[in-house]
Amino acid sequence: MNVNRNLQSEATTQHQPNLRQRILVAEDDPDIRRLNSEALLCSGYHVDAVENGADAWEALQLKDYDLVVTDYNMPKLTGWS
């Protein structure tokens, strides 16, 4: 019985909004950018999405993010730089 209660509380925790968590998605492919952003939004995260590395760098200068999901090979500035 304790196991079921723990599983229920874990399931409840997983579906609670994570609005304090900010994620930046940097991806030049519009379909992948949209897919990643929608998945994270549906999980309760606040998401900003940009289409190239230069825009990602600018966003990082303006806001604090908990996580950056980036493509390695993007125009203007790579996800590695």
Protein backbone atom coordinates (compact mmCIF):
# COMPACT_ATOMS: atom_id res chain seq x y z
CA MET A 1 0.00 0.00 0.00
CA ASN A 2 2.79 2.46 0.76
CA VAL A 3 4.22 1.80 -2.68
CA ASN A 4 0.96 2.83 -4.35
CA ARG A 5 0.78 6.01 -2.28
CA ASN A 6 4.34 6.88 -3.27
CA LEU A 7 3.59 6.26 -6.95
CA GLN A 8 0.49 8.43 -6.75
CA SER A 9 2.37 11.28 -5.11
CA GLU A 10 5.14 11.00 -7.73
CA ALA A 11 2.57 11.08 -10.54
CA THR A 12 0.92 14.13 -9.00
CA THR A 13 4.27 15.88 -8.68
CA GLN A 14 5.15 15.17 -12.31
CA HIS A 15 2.02 16.94 -13.56
CA GLN A 16 2.33 20.07 -11.45
CA PRO A 17 3.31 23.23 -13.32
CA ASN A 18 6.98 24.12 -13.43
CA LEU A 19 6.40 27.75 -14.35
CA ARG A 20 9.40 28.92 -12.38
CA GLN A 21 11.61 26.82 -14.64
CA ARG A 22 12.65 28.72 -17.77
CA ILE A 23 13.91 26.86 -20.81
CA LEU A 24 15.44 28.30 -23.96
CA VAL A 25 15.03 26.23 -27.13
CA ALA A 26 17.48 27.18 -29.88
CA GLU A 27 16.80 25.31 -33.13
CA ASP A 28 16.91 26.44 -36.75
CA ASP A 29 14.48 23.78 -38.02
CA PRO A 30 10.99 25.24 -37.41
CA ASP A 31 9.29 21.85 -37.02
CA ILE A 32 11.77 20.59 -34.44
CA ARG A 33 11.73 23.93 -32.62
CA ARG A 34 7.92 23.82 -32.44
CA LEU A 35 7.87 20.15 -31.34
CA ASN A 36 10.43 20.74 -28.57
CA SER A 37 8.69 23.90 -27.41
CA GLU A 38 5.22 22.35 -27.34
CA ALA A 39 6.42 19.29 -25.42
CA LEU A 40 8.05 21.48 -22.79
CA LEU A 41 5.07 23.84 -22.59
CA CYS A 42 2.73 20.88 -22.09
CA SER A 43 4.98 19.79 -19.22
CA GLY A 44 4.43 23.14 -17.53
CA TYR A 45 7.68 24.92 -18.32
CA HIS A 46 8.04 28.50 -19.48
CA VAL A 47 9.69 28.28 -22.91
CA ASP A 48 11.38 30.83 -25.12
CA ALA A 49 12.32 29.66 -28.62
CA VAL A 50 14.79 31.16 -31.07
CA GLU A 51 15.89 30.15 -34.55
CA ASN A 52 19.64 30.69 -34.49
CA GLY A 53 22.64 30.84 -32.22
CA ALA A 54 22.95 34.63 -32.31
CA ASP A 55 19.37 35.03 -31.07
CA ALA A 56 20.04 32.41 -28.39
CA TRP A 57 23.10 34.31 -27.20
CA GLU A 58 21.07 37.53 -27.04
CA ALA A 59 18.28 35.80 -25.07
CA LEU A 60 20.86 34.45 -22.62
CA GLN A 61 22.12 37.98 -22.01
CA LEU A 62 18.60 39.24 -21.23
CA LYS A 63 17.18 36.43 -19.07
CA ASP A 64 18.28 33.64 -16.78
CA TYR A 65 17.43 30.12 -17.96
CA ASP A 66 17.45 26.86 -16.04
CA LEU A 67 18.10 24.86 -19.20
CA VAL A 68 19.09 25.49 -22.82
CA VAL A 69 18.09 22.94 -25.45
CA THR A 70 20.19 23.70 -28.50
CA ASP A 71 21.01 22.42 -31.94
CA TYR A 72 24.73 22.02 -32.49
CA ASN A 73 24.76 23.27 -36.10
CA MET A 74 22.85 26.54 -36.54
CA PRO A 75 23.31 29.64 -38.68
CA LYS A 76 25.08 32.74 -37.35
CA LEU A 77 26.45 31.00 -34.25
CA THR A 78 26.61 27.29 -33.43
CA GLY A 79 25.11 25.72 -30.33
CA TRP A 80 28.65 24.91 -29.21
CA SER A 81 30.11 28.44 -29.25
